Amino acid sequence: MADYEGIVASQKEAGKAEVLIRPSAEGIPGASEDINCRVCHCLAQGSQVTIDALNAVGAQVGDWVLVRRDSTALLRNAMVLIGTPLLGGLMGVVPAYFLTMGFSTRLAIGTLIAALPLLAGMGIAAVTFRRISSAAEPVIVRVLKRASEISQLSTQCSLPPNQSSLCDHCNISC
């Protein structure tokens, strides 16, 4: 299971909350240290992700929370979206091969016989994906810090006079 830390940005209907997740490590994942020293991503809009998570613990706006997502859902969804149409395609190609004598005669009918189960497999995969993917929603499992605790910390801490934001990674010389 993948765990992420983030801040609750807003409350949504049906017991959900919008959570702002920032990366735990600065820099570009997988990039060389040389590139990470030249580029600052700490204040970029692209370095944060907003997700809708099921608010199982009653977190409030501004709370620092732990969000958990089932990592097996990716494999399960891939199996449904790839495996079902593939199985449907095979169920169409095999009879079409024998009915058209190796695809040498009546090619139009053979193509139709092969395509119908493939299309049916794609439709079944889409319906199944919609049903099983909703069970893999991210869930807020714990409140790490309440909004009131975070605001007390931020009023106690002050930035150095030469620093304009909490991120000073851009000033690091490599």
Foldseek 3Di string as FASTA:
>chain_A
DDKFKFFFAAADPPQKTKTKTADPDWADPPDDPVVRLQDGDPPPPVRIDIDIAREPPPADGQFIFMKDFDPCLVVVLCCLQPVQLVVLLVVQQVVLCVVQVNCPHPVVVSVVSNVVSSVVSNVVSVVVSVVVVVVGGIHGDGGPGHNVVVVVVVVVDDDDPVDDDPDPSNVDHD
